[in-house]
Protein backbone atom coordinates (compact mmCIF):
# COMPACT_ATOMS: atom_id res chain seq x y z
CA MET A 1 14.59 -21.10 22.66
CA LYS A 2 13.16 -22.43 25.92
CA ILE A 3 15.06 -25.28 27.54
CA ILE A 4 12.87 -28.30 28.24
CA SER A 5 13.78 -31.89 29.09
CA ARG A 6 12.65 -34.90 27.08
CA ALA A 7 10.54 -36.09 30.00
CA GLU A 8 8.77 -32.73 30.22
CA ALA A 9 8.23 -32.65 26.45
CA LYS A 10 6.88 -36.19 26.50
CA ALA A 11 4.49 -35.36 29.34
CA ALA A 12 3.27 -32.29 27.47
CA GLY A 13 2.81 -34.21 24.22
CA LEU A 14 5.48 -32.20 22.39
CA LYS A 15 7.26 -33.63 19.36
CA THR A 16 10.58 -31.97 20.18
CA TYR A 17 12.58 -30.85 23.18
CA PHE A 18 15.64 -28.63 23.69
CA THR A 19 18.45 -29.06 26.20
CA GLY A 20 20.69 -26.23 25.06
CA LYS A 21 23.58 -28.68 24.71
CA PRO A 22 25.25 -29.70 21.42
CA CYS A 23 24.74 -33.15 19.91
CA LYS A 24 27.76 -35.37 19.16
CA TYR A 25 28.19 -33.51 15.85
CA GLY A 26 28.13 -30.09 17.50
CA HIS A 27 24.58 -28.98 16.60
CA VAL A 28 22.80 -26.96 19.29
CA ALA A 29 19.29 -27.77 18.12
CA GLU A 30 16.01 -29.36 19.12
CA CYS A 31 15.77 -33.12 19.38
CA GLN A 32 12.90 -35.45 18.50
CA THR A 33 11.06 -36.61 21.58
CA VAL A 34 10.30 -40.04 20.12
CA ASN A 35 13.91 -41.14 19.53
CA TYR A 36 16.35 -38.48 20.86
CA THR A 37 17.47 -37.66 17.28
CA CYS A 38 18.98 -34.21 16.70
CA CYS A 39 16.63 -32.33 14.37
CA GLU A 40 19.52 -30.65 12.54
CA CYS A 41 21.25 -33.99 11.97
CA ASN A 42 17.98 -35.40 10.68
CA ARG A 43 17.50 -32.43 8.33
CA ILE A 44 21.02 -32.81 6.89
CA LYS A 45 20.52 -36.56 6.40
CA LYS A 46 17.17 -36.13 4.62
CA SER A 47 18.58 -33.35 2.44
CA ALA A 48 21.45 -35.58 1.34
CA GLN A 49 19.04 -38.44 0.58
CA TYR A 50 16.80 -36.13 -1.43
CA LYS A 51 19.66 -34.75 -3.51
CA ALA A 52 21.15 -38.21 -4.13
CA ASP A 53 18.27 -39.08 -6.48
CA LEU A 54 16.34 -35.93 -7.35
CA GLU A 55 13.98 -37.51 -9.88
CA LYS A 56 12.90 -40.26 -7.51
CA SER A 57 12.62 -37.83 -4.59
CA ARG A 58 10.44 -35.44 -6.58
CA ALA A 59 8.24 -38.27 -7.81
CA ASN A 60 7.80 -39.52 -4.23
CA ARG A 61 6.93 -36.03 -3.06
CA ARG A 62 4.34 -35.57 -5.81
CA GLU A 63 2.75 -38.91 -4.96
CA TYR A 64 2.68 -38.03 -1.27
CA TYR A 65 1.07 -34.65 -1.93
CA ALA A 66 -1.51 -36.21 -4.26
CA ALA A 67 -2.44 -38.82 -1.64
CA ASN A 68 -2.61 -36.34 1.24
CA THR A 69 -3.87 -33.13 -0.40
CA GLU A 70 -6.69 -32.37 2.05
CA ARG A 71 -4.69 -33.17 5.18
CA LEU A 72 -1.71 -31.10 4.03
CA ALA A 73 -3.97 -28.18 3.10
CA GLU A 74 -5.61 -28.32 6.53
CA ASN A 75 -2.23 -28.48 8.27
CA ALA A 76 -0.99 -25.49 6.26
CA LYS A 77 -4.13 -23.52 7.09
CA ARG A 78 -3.80 -24.31 10.80
CA SER A 79 -0.13 -23.31 10.74
CA ARG A 80 -0.97 -19.97 9.10
CA MET A 81 -3.64 -19.29 11.71
CA ASN A 82 -1.37 -20.21 14.62
CA ASN A 83 1.51 -18.12 13.28
CA ARG A 84 -0.45 -15.27 11.71
CA GLU A 85 1.32 -12.42 13.53
CA LYS A 86 4.74 -13.89 12.83
CA LEU A 87 3.94 -14.37 9.13
CA LEU A 88 2.59 -10.83 8.79
CA ALA A 89 5.67 -9.41 10.51
CA GLY A 90 7.91 -11.41 8.17
CA LYS A 91 6.05 -10.21 5.07
CA LYS A 92 6.20 -6.61 6.26
CA ALA A 93 9.94 -6.85 6.95
CA TYR A 94 10.54 -8.36 3.51
CA TYR A 95 8.48 -5.66 1.81
CA GLU A 96 10.40 -2.92 3.61
CA ARG A 97 13.67 -4.43 2.34
CA VAL A 98 12.68 -4.75 -1.31
CA LYS A 99 10.04 -2.10 -2.01
CA LEU A 100 12.57 0.36 -3.49
CA ASP A 101 14.41 -2.27 -5.55
CA PRO A 102 13.77 -1.54 -9.28
CA GLU A 103 14.12 -5.22 -10.18
CA TRP A 104 11.55 -6.24 -7.59
CA GLN A 105 9.18 -3.51 -8.76
CA LYS A 106 9.55 -4.72 -12.35
CA ARG A 107 8.86 -8.35 -11.40
CA GLU A 108 5.80 -7.39 -9.37
CA SER A 109 4.45 -5.26 -12.20
CA GLU A 110 4.93 -8.08 -14.72
CA LYS A 111 3.33 -10.55 -12.33
CA ARG A 112 0.27 -8.35 -11.85
CA LEU A 113 -0.15 -7.87 -15.60
CA ALA A 114 0.26 -11.59 -16.31
CA ASN A 115 -2.30 -12.56 -13.66
CA ARG A 116 -4.70 -9.64 -13.99
CA GLU A 117 -7.60 -11.63 -15.45
CA LYS A 118 -7.03 -14.55 -13.09
CA LYS A 119 -6.97 -12.20 -10.08
CA ARG A 120 -10.10 -10.42 -11.29
CA GLU A 121 -11.97 -13.72 -11.61
CA TYR A 122 -10.71 -14.89 -8.20
CA ASP A 123 -11.87 -11.65 -6.56
CA LYS A 124 -15.25 -11.99 -8.25
CA GLN A 125 -15.76 -15.57 -7.08
CA TYR A 126 -14.51 -14.74 -3.58
CA ALA A 127 -16.92 -11.81 -3.34
CA ILE A 128 -19.81 -14.07 -4.39
CA ALA A 129 -18.86 -16.83 -1.96
CA ASN A 130 -18.24 -14.45 0.94
CA SER A 131 -20.78 -11.70 0.26
CA ALA A 132 -22.45 -11.99 3.68
CA LYS A 133 -19.09 -11.95 5.45
CA LYS A 134 -17.89 -8.91 3.46
CA VAL A 135 -21.09 -7.01 4.27
CA GLU A 136 -20.78 -7.84 7.97
CA ASN A 137 -17.09 -6.83 8.02
CA ALA A 138 -17.95 -3.55 6.28
CA ARG A 139 -20.73 -2.82 8.77
CA SER A 140 -18.44 -3.56 11.71
CA TRP A 141 -15.72 -1.28 10.30
CA ILE A 142 -18.21 1.54 9.65
CA LYS A 143 -19.56 1.22 13.20
CA ALA A 144 -16.04 1.32 14.67
CA ASN A 145 -14.78 4.12 12.37
CA PRO A 146 -17.61 6.63 11.77
CA ASP A 147 -15.23 9.56 11.21
CA LYS A 148 -13.15 7.72 8.60
CA ARG A 149 -16.24 6.43 6.85
CA ALA A 150 -17.80 9.89 6.65
CA THR A 151 -14.57 11.39 5.35
CA ILE A 152 -14.00 8.73 2.71
CA THR A 153 -17.58 8.90 1.47
CA PHE A 154 -17.51 12.67 1.41
CA SER A 155 -14.15 12.86 -0.35
CA TYR A 156 -15.23 10.35 -2.98
CA ASP A 157 -18.44 12.26 -3.60
CA GLY A 158 -16.51 15.52 -3.81
CA ARG A 159 -14.05 14.10 -6.33
CA ARG A 160 -16.86 12.64 -8.39
CA ARG A 161 -18.70 15.95 -8.59
CA ALA A 162 -15.63 18.08 -9.10
CA LYS A 163 -13.40 16.05 -11.41
CA THR A 164 -11.77 19.10 -12.91
CA LYS A 165 -11.12 20.87 -9.61
CA GLN A 166 -8.17 20.54 -7.29
CA GLY A 167 -8.88 19.74 -3.66
CA ASP A 168 -7.34 18.69 -0.36
CA SER A 169 -6.41 15.05 0.15
CA THR A 170 -8.60 12.53 1.92
CA LYS A 171 -5.95 12.26 4.64
CA ALA A 172 -5.99 16.01 5.28
CA ILE A 173 -9.79 16.13 5.33
CA ARG A 174 -9.92 13.15 7.69
CA ALA A 175 -7.60 14.95 10.12
CA TRP A 176 -9.79 18.05 9.93
CA VAL A 177 -12.98 16.06 10.54
CA LYS A 178 -11.43 14.35 13.55
CA ALA A 179 -10.40 17.67 15.11
CA ALA A 180 -13.52 19.67 14.21
CA LYS A 181 -16.19 20.25 16.86
CA LYS A 182 -19.31 18.30 15.98
CA VAL A 183 -21.63 21.30 16.14
CA CYS A 184 -23.81 22.26 13.17
CA TYR A 185 -22.39 25.38 11.52
CA TRP A 186 -25.87 26.50 10.46
CA CYS A 187 -28.13 25.95 13.47
CA GLY A 188 -25.66 25.35 16.32
CA VAL A 189 -27.06 21.94 17.30
CA LYS A 190 -24.59 19.39 18.70
CA CYS A 191 -24.31 16.39 16.40
CA ASP A 192 -21.54 14.20 17.82
CA ASP A 193 -23.09 10.92 16.74
CA ASP A 194 -24.83 12.02 13.53
CA TYR A 195 -23.29 14.71 11.37
CA HIS A 196 -22.65 15.54 7.72
CA ILE A 197 -19.69 17.29 6.11
CA ASP A 198 -21.04 20.16 4.01
CA HIS A 199 -19.49 22.29 1.28
CA TYR A 200 -20.11 25.86 2.44
CA GLU A 201 -20.06 27.07 -1.17
CA PRO A 202 -21.69 24.27 -3.23
CA LEU A 203 -19.47 22.52 -5.76
CA SER A 204 -22.16 23.07 -8.37
CA LYS A 205 -21.70 26.81 -7.92
CA GLY A 206 -17.93 26.93 -8.05
CA GLY A 207 -17.04 25.91 -4.50
CA GLU A 208 -13.82 23.96 -3.97
CA HIS A 209 -13.28 20.59 -2.34
CA ARG A 210 -11.02 22.09 0.30
CA ILE A 211 -10.99 22.27 4.09
CA SER A 212 -11.48 26.03 3.87
CA ASN A 213 -14.83 25.34 2.18
CA LEU A 214 -16.04 22.66 4.62
CA VAL A 215 -18.32 22.90 7.64
CA ILE A 216 -19.90 20.39 10.00
CA ALA A 217 -23.67 20.27 9.57
CA CYS A 218 -26.51 18.32 11.13
CA PRO A 219 -28.32 16.06 8.62
CA THR A 220 -31.41 18.28 8.59
CA CYS A 221 -29.54 21.47 7.69
CA ASN A 222 -27.31 19.77 5.14
CA LEU A 223 -30.26 18.25 3.30
CA ARG A 224 -32.25 21.48 3.45
CA LYS A 225 -29.35 23.58 2.23
CA ASN A 226 -28.48 21.26 -0.68
CA ALA A 227 -27.02 23.60 -3.37
CA LYS A 228 -28.49 26.84 -2.00
CA ASP A 229 -26.44 30.00 -1.66
CA PRO A 230 -24.82 29.84 1.80
CA LEU A 231 -25.76 33.39 2.81
CA GLU A 232 -29.37 32.94 1.76
CA PHE A 233 -29.64 29.62 3.59
CA ALA A 234 -27.99 31.09 6.70
CA ALA A 235 -30.56 33.88 6.71
CA SER A 236 -33.40 31.36 6.37
CA VAL A 237 -32.32 29.56 9.56
CA GLY A 238 -31.57 32.74 11.51
CA ARG A 239 -27.78 32.51 11.26
CA LEU A 240 -26.30 35.98 11.66
CA PHE A 241 -22.91 37.05 10.27
């Protein structure tokens, strides 16, 4: 924690300052700029007051929240935005600690089942309210990740058309697409910025959804080939084997 004097904190408009020295009760903590009070002492005092009369304290808190709902929501939103990276890191660290815990897995599964309809309705309303934003985000992602987009679309289409066949994973195909030279297998044209992933042997004729059955093709050749026999199509475009 950075050491800063009360005068410096006051000049900067900060609510707390930190000297690095213990208070009279031994707490090495921040102090309130307005009245020098040790923040840890203040926390302990308020905690004791709260516990001394729980019913009254809870009633007061409910009344305060009800009277300041909008302001508190805005403060919480601003805090999340200002501490986004820290919050994400904390969530990730927590998940890494508990993800293999059977009890945690059970609780999460029960929670998802109990809130399935509520979550579905929330997602539906969110999609309606943020449709333009979702479309723009999708377009931006596609523009920034053309290889991933092509691979995902291709893999989905391959799975859809070959439900009963086994094939390579999307991850493996994505790695292949990234490494493959963007030159049309059929006509030899370079297609770095605009290419299709083609099944050499069409799925409709028994071809598999595997890397060994994939080639890079320019859009023209891929659309012309469609489900044609690969050797016949190669001959039609002058491809020699």
